[in-house]
């Protein structure tokens, strides 16, 4: 069950052109998101890194770490430490 602060209890409507709707719909589909979720994410995280982007970046760093670890363990550990510093900001 969601926390009270996470419950979506507000409903609104937005006027837009067909072209704007088509663009939003296309971009939402590309991200496997509903139009509603896409619009909220775009509005809330505009100009910031979204949680979804952070997960993708962390996955990429994890993959790179595994590749580098077998070739240069010292470099891999350095990279891991630098990534940990970024997460602590």
PDB file of N, CA and C in Angstrom:
ATOM      1  N   UNK A   1       0.840  -1.186   0.000  1.00  0.00           N
ATOM      2  CA  UNK A   1       0.000   0.000   0.000  1.00  0.00           C
ATOM      3  C   UNK A   1       0.886   1.251   0.000  1.00  0.00           C
ATOM      4  N   UNK A   2       0.506   2.226  -0.787  1.00  0.00           N
ATOM      5  CA  UNK A   2       1.284   3.463  -0.881  1.00  0.00           C
ATOM      6  C   UNK A   2       1.092   4.326   0.354  1.00  0.00           C
ATOM      7  N   UNK A   3       2.164   5.108   0.647  1.00  0.00           N
ATOM      8  CA  UNK A   3       2.056   6.083   1.720  1.00  0.00           C
ATOM      9  C   UNK A   3       1.053   7.147   1.297  1.00  0.00           C
ATOM     10  N   UNK A   4       0.482   7.816   2.265  1.00  0.00           N
ATOM     11  CA  UNK A   4      -0.496   8.867   1.970  1.00  0.00           C
ATOM     12  C   UNK A   4       0.101   9.926   1.041  1.00  0.00           C
ATOM     13  N   UNK A   5       1.362  10.274   1.248  1.00  0.00           N
ATOM     14  CA  UNK A   5       2.015  11.304   0.428  1.00  0.00           C
ATOM     15  C   UNK A   5       2.274  10.840  -1.004  1.00  0.00           C
ATOM     16  N   UNK A   6       2.199   9.529  -1.261  1.00  0.00           N
ATOM     17  CA  UNK A   6       2.452   8.999  -2.595  1.00  0.00           C
ATOM     18  C   UNK A   6       1.161   8.715  -3.374  1.00  0.00           C
ATOM     19  N   UNK A   7       0.035   8.859  -2.727  1.00  0.00           N
ATOM     20  CA  UNK A   7      -1.239   8.585  -3.399  1.00  0.00           C
ATOM     21  C   UNK A   7      -1.534   9.698  -4.401  1.00  0.00           C
ATOM     22  N   UNK A   8      -1.923   9.282  -5.574  1.00  0.00           N
ATOM     23  CA  UNK A   8      -2.260  10.239  -6.624  1.00  0.00           C
ATOM     24  C   UNK A   8      -3.750  10.535  -6.548  1.00  0.00           C
ATOM     25  N   UNK A   9      -4.073  11.680  -5.979  1.00  0.00           N
ATOM     26  CA  UNK A   9      -5.479  12.006  -5.764  1.00  0.00           C
ATOM     27  C   UNK A   9      -5.898  13.289  -6.485  1.00  0.00           C
ATOM     28  N   UNK A  10      -5.037  13.801  -7.353  1.00  0.00           N
ATOM     29  CA  UNK A  10      -5.366  15.007  -8.104  1.00  0.00           C
ATOM     30  C   UNK A  10      -5.536  14.656  -9.574  1.00  0.00           C
ATOM     31  N   UNK A  11      -6.532  15.242 -10.197  1.00  0.00           N
ATOM     32  CA  UNK A  11      -6.801  15.012 -11.602  1.00  0.00           C
ATOM     33  C   UNK A  11      -6.856  16.366 -12.288  1.00  0.00           C
ATOM     34  N   UNK A  12      -6.215  16.472 -13.429  1.00  0.00           N
ATOM     35  CA  UNK A  12      -6.237  17.715 -14.187  1.00  0.00           C
ATOM     36  C   UNK A  12      -6.312  17.384 -15.663  1.00  0.00           C
ATOM     37  N   UNK A  13      -6.648  18.370 -16.445  1.00  0.00           N
ATOM     38  CA  UNK A  13      -6.641  18.169 -17.894  1.00  0.00           C
ATOM     39  C   UNK A  13      -5.753  19.243 -18.503  1.00  0.00           C
ATOM     40  N   UNK A  14      -5.258  18.950 -19.681  1.00  0.00           N
ATOM     41  CA  UNK A  14      -4.327  19.850 -20.352  1.00  0.00           C
ATOM     42  C   UNK A  14      -4.777  20.014 -21.794  1.00  0.00           C
ATOM     43  N   UNK A  15      -4.810  21.246 -22.248  1.00  0.00           N
ATOM     44  CA  UNK A  15      -5.129  21.495 -23.656  1.00  0.00           C
ATOM     45  C   UNK A  15      -3.824  21.563 -24.433  1.00  0.00           C
ATOM     46  N   UNK A  16      -3.824  20.910 -25.588  1.00  0.00           N
ATOM     47  CA  UNK A  16      -2.638  20.908 -26.441  1.00  0.00           C
ATOM     48  C   UNK A  16      -3.064  20.640 -27.868  1.00  0.00           C
ATOM     49  N   UNK A  17      -2.144  20.902 -28.784  1.00  0.00           N
ATOM     50  CA  UNK A  17      -2.431  20.643 -30.192  1.00  0.00           C
ATOM     51  C   UNK A  17      -2.266  19.154 -30.475  1.00  0.00           C
ATOM     52  N   UNK A  18      -2.775  18.729 -31.613  1.00  0.00           N
ATOM     53  CA  UNK A  18      -2.589  17.340 -32.041  1.00  0.00           C
ATOM     54  C   UNK A  18      -1.112  17.016 -32.172  1.00  0.00           C
ATOM     55  N   UNK A  19      -0.331  17.952 -32.722  1.00  0.00           N
ATOM     56  CA  UNK A  19       1.107  17.725 -32.887  1.00  0.00           C
ATOM     57  C   UNK A  19       1.803  17.559 -31.540  1.00  0.00           C
ATOM     58  N   UNK A  20       1.431  18.387 -30.580  1.00  0.00           N
ATOM     59  CA  UNK A  20       2.033  18.268 -29.248  1.00  0.00           C
ATOM     60  C   UNK A  20       1.674  16.927 -28.619  1.00  0.00           C
ATOM     61  N   UNK A  21       0.409  16.543 -28.741  1.00  0.00           N
ATOM     62  CA  UNK A  21      -0.024  15.262 -28.181  1.00  0.00           C
ATOM     63  C   UNK A  21       0.725  14.103 -28.839  1.00  0.00           C
ATOM     64  N   UNK A  22       0.847  14.166 -30.155  1.00  0.00           N
ATOM     65  CA  UNK A  22       1.547  13.099 -30.885  1.00  0.00           C
ATOM     66  C   UNK A  22       2.991  12.986 -30.426  1.00  0.00           C
ATOM     67  N   UNK A  23       3.646  14.121 -30.224  1.00  0.00           N
ATOM     68  CA  UNK A  23       5.039  14.113 -29.774  1.00  0.00           C
ATOM     69  C   UNK A  23       5.148  13.529 -28.360  1.00  0.00           C
ATOM     70  N   UNK A  24       4.281  13.967 -27.469  1.00  0.00           N
ATOM     71  CA  UNK A  24       4.300  13.452 -26.091  1.00  0.00           C
ATOM     72  C   UNK A  24       4.005  11.955 -26.083  1.00  0.00           C
ATOM     73  N   UNK A  25       3.018  11.545 -26.852  1.00  0.00           N
ATOM     74  CA  UNK A  25       2.659  10.124 -26.927  1.00  0.00           C
ATOM     75  C   UNK A  25       3.835   9.295 -27.440  1.00  0.00           C
ATOM     76  N   UNK A  26       4.502   9.788 -28.484  1.00  0.00           N
ATOM     77  CA  UNK A  26       5.652   9.085 -29.070  1.00  0.00           C
ATOM     78  C   UNK A  26       6.785   8.959 -28.049  1.00  0.00           C
ATOM     79  N   UNK A  27       7.090  10.061 -27.377  1.00  0.00           N
ATOM     80  CA  UNK A  27       8.186  10.040 -26.404  1.00  0.00           C
ATOM     81  C   UNK A  27       7.856   9.147 -25.210  1.00  0.00           C
ATOM     82  N   UNK A  28       6.618   9.137 -24.781  1.00  0.00           N
ATOM     83  CA  UNK A  28       6.216   8.268 -23.674  1.00  0.00           C
ATOM     84  C   UNK A  28       6.348   6.805 -24.076  1.00  0.00           C
ATOM     85  N   UNK A  29       5.912   6.474 -25.295  1.00  0.00           N
ATOM     86  CA  UNK A  29       6.022   5.092 -25.771  1.00  0.00           C
ATOM     87  C   UNK A  29       7.479   4.656 -25.854  1.00  0.00           C
ATOM     88  N   UNK A  30       8.360   5.556 -26.320  1.00  0.00           N
ATOM     89  CA  UNK A  30       9.785   5.230 -26.424  1.00  0.00           C
ATOM     90  C   UNK A  30      10.386   4.893 -25.068  1.00  0.00           C
ATOM     91  N   UNK A  31       9.842   5.482 -24.009  1.00  0.00           N
ATOM     92  CA  UNK A  31      10.342   5.224 -22.658  1.00  0.00           C
ATOM     93  C   UNK A  31       9.499   4.183 -21.924  1.00  0.00           C
ATOM     94  N   UNK A  32       8.561   3.554 -22.661  1.00  0.00           N
ATOM     95  CA  UNK A  32       7.666   2.545 -22.066  1.00  0.00           C
ATOM     96  C   UNK A  32       6.919   3.107 -20.860  1.00  0.00           C
ATOM     97  N   UNK A  33       6.397   4.317 -21.039  1.00  0.00           N
ATOM     98  CA  UNK A  33       5.682   4.984 -19.961  1.00  0.00           C
ATOM     99  C   UNK A  33       4.295   5.384 -20.451  1.00  0.00           C
ATOM    100  N   UNK A  34       3.394   5.556 -19.509  1.00  0.00           N
ATOM    101  CA  UNK A  34       2.091   6.120 -19.860  1.00  0.00           C
ATOM    102  C   UNK A  34       2.291   7.611 -20.134  1.00  0.00           C
ATOM    103  N   UNK A  35       1.340   8.206 -20.817  1.00  0.00           N
ATOM    104  CA  UNK A  35       1.429   9.641 -21.093  1.00  0.00           C
ATOM    105  C   UNK A  35       1.438  10.414 -19.778  1.00  0.00           C
ATOM    106  N   UNK A  36       0.607  10.011 -18.851  1.00  0.00           N
ATOM    107  CA  UNK A  36       0.534  10.675 -17.552  1.00  0.00           C
ATOM    108  C   UNK A  36       1.877  10.611 -16.822  1.00  0.00           C
ATOM    109  N   UNK A  37       2.453   9.421 -16.735  1.00  0.00           N
ATOM    110  CA  UNK A  37       3.743   9.252 -16.042  1.00  0.00           C
ATOM    111  C   UNK A  37       4.841  10.046 -16.740  1.00  0.00           C
ATOM    112  N   UNK A  38       4.818  10.037 -18.066  1.00  0.00           N
ATOM    113  CA  UNK A  38       5.828  10.778 -18.831  1.00  0.00           C
ATOM    114  C   UNK A  38       5.713  12.280 -18.556  1.00  0.00           C
ATOM    115  N   UNK A  39       4.500  12.816 -18.578  1.00  0.00           N
ATOM    116  CA  UNK A  39       4.321  14.250 -18.353  1.00  0.00           C
ATOM    117  C   UNK A  39       4.734  14.649 -16.937  1.00  0.00           C
ATOM    118  N   UNK A  40       4.422  13.815 -15.953  1.00  0.00           N
ATOM    119  CA  UNK A  40       4.826  14.104 -14.574  1.00  0.00           C
ATOM    120  C   UNK A  40       6.338  14.081 -14.463  1.00  0.00           C
ATOM    121  N   UNK A  41       6.972  13.046 -15.023  1.00  0.00           N
ATOM    122  CA  UNK A  41       8.431  12.959 -14.946  1.00  0.00           C
ATOM    123  C   UNK A  41       9.084  14.150 -15.647  1.00  0.00           C
ATOM    124  N   UNK A  42       8.564  14.527 -16.812  1.00  0.00           N
ATOM    125  CA  UNK A  42       9.130  15.654 -17.551  1.00  0.00           C
ATOM    126  C   UNK A  42       8.985  16.953 -16.767  1.00  0.00           C
ATOM    127  N   UNK A  43       7.857  17.140 -16.111  1.00  0.00           N
ATOM    128  CA  UNK A  43       7.627  18.375 -15.354  1.00  0.00           C
ATOM    129  C   UNK A  43       8.424  18.413 -14.050  1.00  0.00           C
ATOM    130  N   UNK A  44       8.433  17.311 -13.336  1.00  0.00           N
ATOM    131  CA  UNK A  44       9.080  17.268 -12.027  1.00  0.00           C
ATOM    132  C   UNK A  44      10.600  17.244 -12.142  1.00  0.00           C
ATOM    133  N   UNK A  45      11.109  16.571 -13.167  1.00  0.00           N
ATOM    134  CA  UNK A  45      12.552  16.400 -13.295  1.00  0.00           C
ATOM    135  C   UNK A  45      13.145  17.216 -14.435  1.00  0.00           C
ATOM    136  N   UNK A  46      12.409  18.196 -14.923  1.00  0.00           N
ATOM    137  CA  UNK A  46      12.900  19.023 -16.021  1.00  0.00           C
ATOM    138  C   UNK A  46      14.198  19.708 -15.605  1.00  0.00           C
ATOM    139  N   UNK A  47      15.242  19.485 -16.386  1.00  0.00           N
ATOM    140  CA  UNK A  47      16.532  20.090 -16.075  1.00  0.00           C
ATOM    141  C   UNK A  47      17.326  19.336 -15.025  1.00  0.00           C
ATOM    142  N   UNK A  48      16.737  18.309 -14.441  1.00  0.00           N
ATOM    143  CA  UNK A  48      17.417  17.496 -13.430  1.00  0.00           C
ATOM    144  C   UNK A  48      17.532  16.071 -13.942  1.00  0.00           C
ATOM    145  N   UNK A  49      18.320  15.304 -13.270  1.00  0.00           N
ATOM    146  CA  UNK A  49      18.442  13.898 -13.609  1.00  0.00           C
ATOM    147  C   UNK A  49      17.290  13.144 -12.955  1.00  0.00           C
ATOM    148  N   UNK A  50      16.552  12.405 -13.734  1.00  0.00           N
ATOM    149  CA  UNK A  50      15.409  11.664 -13.203  1.00  0.00           C
ATOM    150  C   UNK A  50      15.885  10.369 -12.541  1.00  0.00           C
ATOM    151  N   UNK A  51      15.076   9.808 -11.654  1.00  0.00           N
ATOM    152  CA  UNK A  51      15.435   8.524 -11.049  1.00  0.00           C
ATOM    153  C   UNK A  51      15.700   7.445 -12.095  1.00  0.00           C
ATOM    154  N   UNK A  52      14.930   7.455 -13.155  1.00  0.00           N
ATOM    155  CA  UNK A  52      15.109   6.483 -14.237  1.00  0.00           C
ATOM    156  C   UNK A  52      16.496   6.628 -14.871  1.00  0.00           C
ATOM    157  N   UNK A  53      16.923   7.874 -15.097  1.00  0.00           N
ATOM    158  CA  UNK A  53      18.249   8.110 -15.667  1.00  0.00           C
ATOM    159  C   UNK A  53      19.350   7.664 -14.705  1.00  0.00           C
ATOM    160  N   UNK A  54      19.148   7.896 -13.422  1.00  0.00           N
ATOM    161  CA  UNK A  54      20.142   7.483 -12.428  1.00  0.00           C
ATOM    162  C   UNK A  54      20.323   5.967 -12.434  1.00  0.00           C
ATOM    163  N   UNK A  55      19.240   5.236 -12.541  1.00  0.00           N
ATOM    164  CA  UNK A  55      19.323   3.773 -12.591  1.00  0.00           C
ATOM    165  C   UNK A  55      20.102   3.337 -13.829  1.00  0.00           C
ATOM    166  N   UNK A  56      19.801   3.953 -14.965  1.00  0.00           N
ATOM    167  CA  UNK A  56      20.515   3.609 -16.205  1.00  0.00           C
ATOM    168  C   UNK A  56      22.007   3.898 -16.087  1.00  0.00           C
ATOM    169  N   UNK A  57      22.336   5.053 -15.497  1.00  0.00           N
ATOM    170  CA  UNK A  57      23.753   5.390 -15.325  1.00  0.00           C
ATOM    171  C   UNK A  57      24.451   4.407 -14.397  1.00  0.00           C
ATOM    172  N   UNK A  58      23.786   4.034 -13.299  1.00  0.00           N
ATOM    173  CA  UNK A  58      24.396   3.087 -12.368  1.00  0.00           C
ATOM    174  C   UNK A  58      24.599   1.737 -13.030  1.00  0.00           C
ATOM    175  N   UNK A  59      23.640   1.291 -13.817  1.00  0.00           N
ATOM    176  CA  UNK A  59      23.788   0.021 -14.531  1.00  0.00           C
ATOM    177  C   UNK A  59      24.968   0.068 -15.490  1.00  0.00           C
ATOM    178  N   UNK A  60      25.134   1.187 -16.171  1.00  0.00           N
ATOM    179  CA  UNK A  60      26.251   1.344 -17.094  1.00  0.00           C
ATOM    180  C   UNK A  60      27.589   1.308 -16.357  1.00  0.00           C
ATOM    181  N   UNK A  61      27.662   1.993 -15.237  1.00  0.00           N
ATOM    182  CA  UNK A  61      28.894   1.990 -14.429  1.00  0.00           C
ATOM    183  C   UNK A  61      29.180   0.577 -13.931  1.00  0.00           C
ATOM    184  N   UNK A  62      28.162  -0.136 -13.491  1.00  0.00           N
ATOM    185  CA  UNK A  62      28.358  -1.516 -13.011  1.00  0.00           C
ATOM    186  C   UNK A  62      28.898  -2.423 -14.121  1.00  0.00           C
ATOM    187  N   UNK A  63      28.365  -2.266 -15.326  1.00  0.00           N
ATOM    188  CA  UNK A  63      28.843  -3.069 -16.451  1.00  0.00           C
ATOM    189  C   UNK A  63      30.290  -2.728 -16.786  1.00  0.00           C
ATOM    190  N   UNK A  64      30.612  -1.446 -16.811  1.00  0.00           N
ATOM    191  CA  UNK A  64      31.980  -1.030 -17.113  1.00  0.00           C
ATOM    192  C   UNK A  64      32.943  -1.547 -16.042  1.00  0.00           C
ATOM    193  N   UNK A  65      32.516  -1.482 -14.793  1.00  0.00           N
ATOM    194  CA  UNK A  65      33.345  -1.978 -13.691  1.00  0.00           C
ATOM    195  C   UNK A  65      33.675  -3.454 -13.887  1.00  0.00           C
ATOM    196  N   UNK A  66      32.686  -4.254 -14.222  1.00  0.00           N
ATOM    197  CA  UNK A  66      32.911  -5.688 -14.415  1.00  0.00           C
ATOM    198  C   UNK A  66      33.877  -5.957 -15.570  1.00  0.00           C
ATOM    199  N   UNK A  67      33.779  -5.190 -16.634  1.00  0.00           N
ATOM    200  CA  UNK A  67      34.669  -5.364 -17.783  1.00  0.00           C
ATOM    201  C   UNK A  67      36.101  -4.974 -17.415  1.00  0.00           C
ATOM    202  N   UNK A  68      36.246  -3.839 -16.757  1.00  0.00           N
ATOM    203  CA  UNK A  68      37.579  -3.329 -16.419  1.00  0.00           C
ATOM    204  C   UNK A  68      38.243  -4.171 -15.335  1.00  0.00           C
ATOM    205  N   UNK A  69      37.444  -4.712 -14.408  1.00  0.00           N
ATOM    206  CA  UNK A  69      37.982  -5.478 -13.272  1.00  0.00           C
ATOM    207  C   UNK A  69      38.885  -6.617 -13.727  1.00  0.00           C
ATOM    208  N   UNK A  70      38.524  -7.280 -14.797  1.00  0.00           N
ATOM    209  CA  UNK A  70      39.330  -8.419 -15.246  1.00  0.00           C
ATOM    210  C   UNK A  70      40.639  -7.978 -15.901  1.00  0.00           C
ATOM    211  N   UNK A  71      40.663  -6.780 -16.471  1.00  0.00           N
ATOM    212  CA  UNK A  71      41.866  -6.282 -17.150  1.00  0.00           C
ATOM    213  C   UNK A  71      42.765  -5.455 -16.246  1.00  0.00           C
ATOM    214  N   UNK A  72      42.174  -4.646 -15.378  1.00  0.00           N
ATOM    215  CA  UNK A  72      42.949  -3.734 -14.543  1.00  0.00           C
ATOM    216  C   UNK A  72      42.220  -3.526 -13.211  1.00  0.00           C
ATOM    217  N   UNK A  73      42.420  -4.441 -12.252  1.00  0.00           N
ATOM    218  CA  UNK A  73      41.710  -4.369 -10.973  1.00  0.00           C
ATOM    219  C   UNK A  73      41.898  -3.048 -10.223  1.00  0.00           C
ATOM    220  N   UNK A  74      43.110  -2.460 -10.305  1.00  0.00           N
ATOM    221  CA  UNK A  74      43.344  -1.194  -9.610  1.00  0.00           C
ATOM    222  C   UNK A  74      42.478  -0.081 -10.201  1.00  0.00           C
ATOM    223  N   UNK A  75      42.428  -0.020 -11.515  1.00  0.00           N
ATOM    224  CA  UNK A  75      41.608   0.980 -12.184  1.00  0.00           C
ATOM    225  C   UNK A  75      40.132   0.760 -11.861  1.00  0.00           C
ATOM    226  N   UNK A  76      39.722  -0.495 -11.803  1.00  0.00           N
ATOM    227  CA  UNK A  76      38.329  -0.811 -11.476  1.00  0.00           C
ATOM    228  C   UNK A  76      37.973  -0.323 -10.080  1.00  0.00           C
ATOM    229  N   UNK A  77      38.860  -0.534  -9.122  1.00  0.00           N
ATOM    230  CA  UNK A  77      38.604  -0.080  -7.750  1.00  0.00           C
ATOM    231  C   UNK A  77      38.567   1.440  -7.674  1.00  0.00           C
ATOM    232  N   UNK A  78      39.459   2.094  -8.426  1.00  0.00           N
ATOM    233  CA  UNK A  78      39.472   3.557  -8.464  1.00  0.00           C
ATOM    234  C   UNK A  78      38.135   4.070  -9.030  1.00  0.00           C
ATOM    235  N   UNK A  79      37.684   3.432 -10.084  1.00  0.00           N
ATOM    236  CA  UNK A  79      36.432   3.812 -10.699  1.00  0.00           C
ATOM    237  C   UNK A  79      35.265   3.605  -9.732  1.00  0.00           C
ATOM    238  N   UNK A  80      35.297   2.499  -9.008  1.00  0.00           N
ATOM    239  CA  UNK A  80      34.243   2.198  -8.038  1.00  0.00           C
ATOM    240  C   UNK A  80      34.203   3.251  -6.934  1.00  0.00           C
ATOM    241  N   UNK A  81      35.377   3.668  -6.463  1.00  0.00           N
ATOM    242  CA  UNK A  81      35.457   4.684  -5.419  1.00  0.00           C
ATOM    243  C   UNK A  81      34.934   6.034  -5.915  1.00  0.00           C
ATOM    244  N   UNK A  82      35.290   6.392  -7.154  1.00  0.00           N
ATOM    245  CA  UNK A  82      34.822   7.654  -7.727  1.00  0.00           C
ATOM    246  C   UNK A  82      33.300   7.640  -7.902  1.00  0.00           C
ATOM    247  N   UNK A  83      32.762   6.504  -8.311  1.00  0.00           N
ATOM    248  CA  UNK A  83      31.307   6.389  -8.452  1.00  0.00           C
ATOM    249  C   UNK A  83      30.633   6.543  -7.080  1.00  0.00           C
ATOM    250  N   UNK A  84      31.229   5.952  -6.046  1.00  0.00           N
ATOM    251  CA  UNK A  84      30.678   6.058  -4.705  1.00  0.00           C
ATOM    252  C   UNK A  84      30.683   7.510  -4.229  1.00  0.00           C
ATOM    253  N   UNK A  85      31.720   8.263  -4.596  1.00  0.00           N
ATOM    254  CA  UNK A  85      31.780   9.679  -4.239  1.00  0.00           C
ATOM    255  C   UNK A  85      30.655  10.453  -4.909  1.00  0.00           C
ATOM    256  N   UNK A  86      30.393  10.138  -6.164  1.00  0.00           N
ATOM    257  CA  UNK A  86      29.321  10.823  -6.883  1.00  0.00           C
ATOM    258  C   UNK A  86      27.981  10.567  -6.189  1.00  0.00           C
ATOM    259  N   UNK A  87      27.728   9.319  -5.789  1.00  0.00           N
ATOM    260  CA  UNK A  87      26.459   8.984  -5.135  1.00  0.00           C
ATOM    261  C   UNK A  87      26.326   9.662  -3.773  1.00  0.00           C
ATOM    262  N   UNK A  88      27.424  10.010  -3.145  1.00  0.00           N
ATOM    263  CA  UNK A  88      27.341  10.633  -1.821  1.00  0.00           C
ATOM    264  C   UNK A  88      27.162  12.145  -1.893  1.00  0.00           C
ATOM    265  N   UNK A  89      27.152  12.723  -3.084  1.00  0.00           N
ATOM    266  CA  UNK A  89      26.988  14.184  -3.233  1.00  0.00           C
ATOM    267  C   UNK A  89      25.593  14.616  -2.860  1.00  0.00           C
TER     268      UNK A  89
END
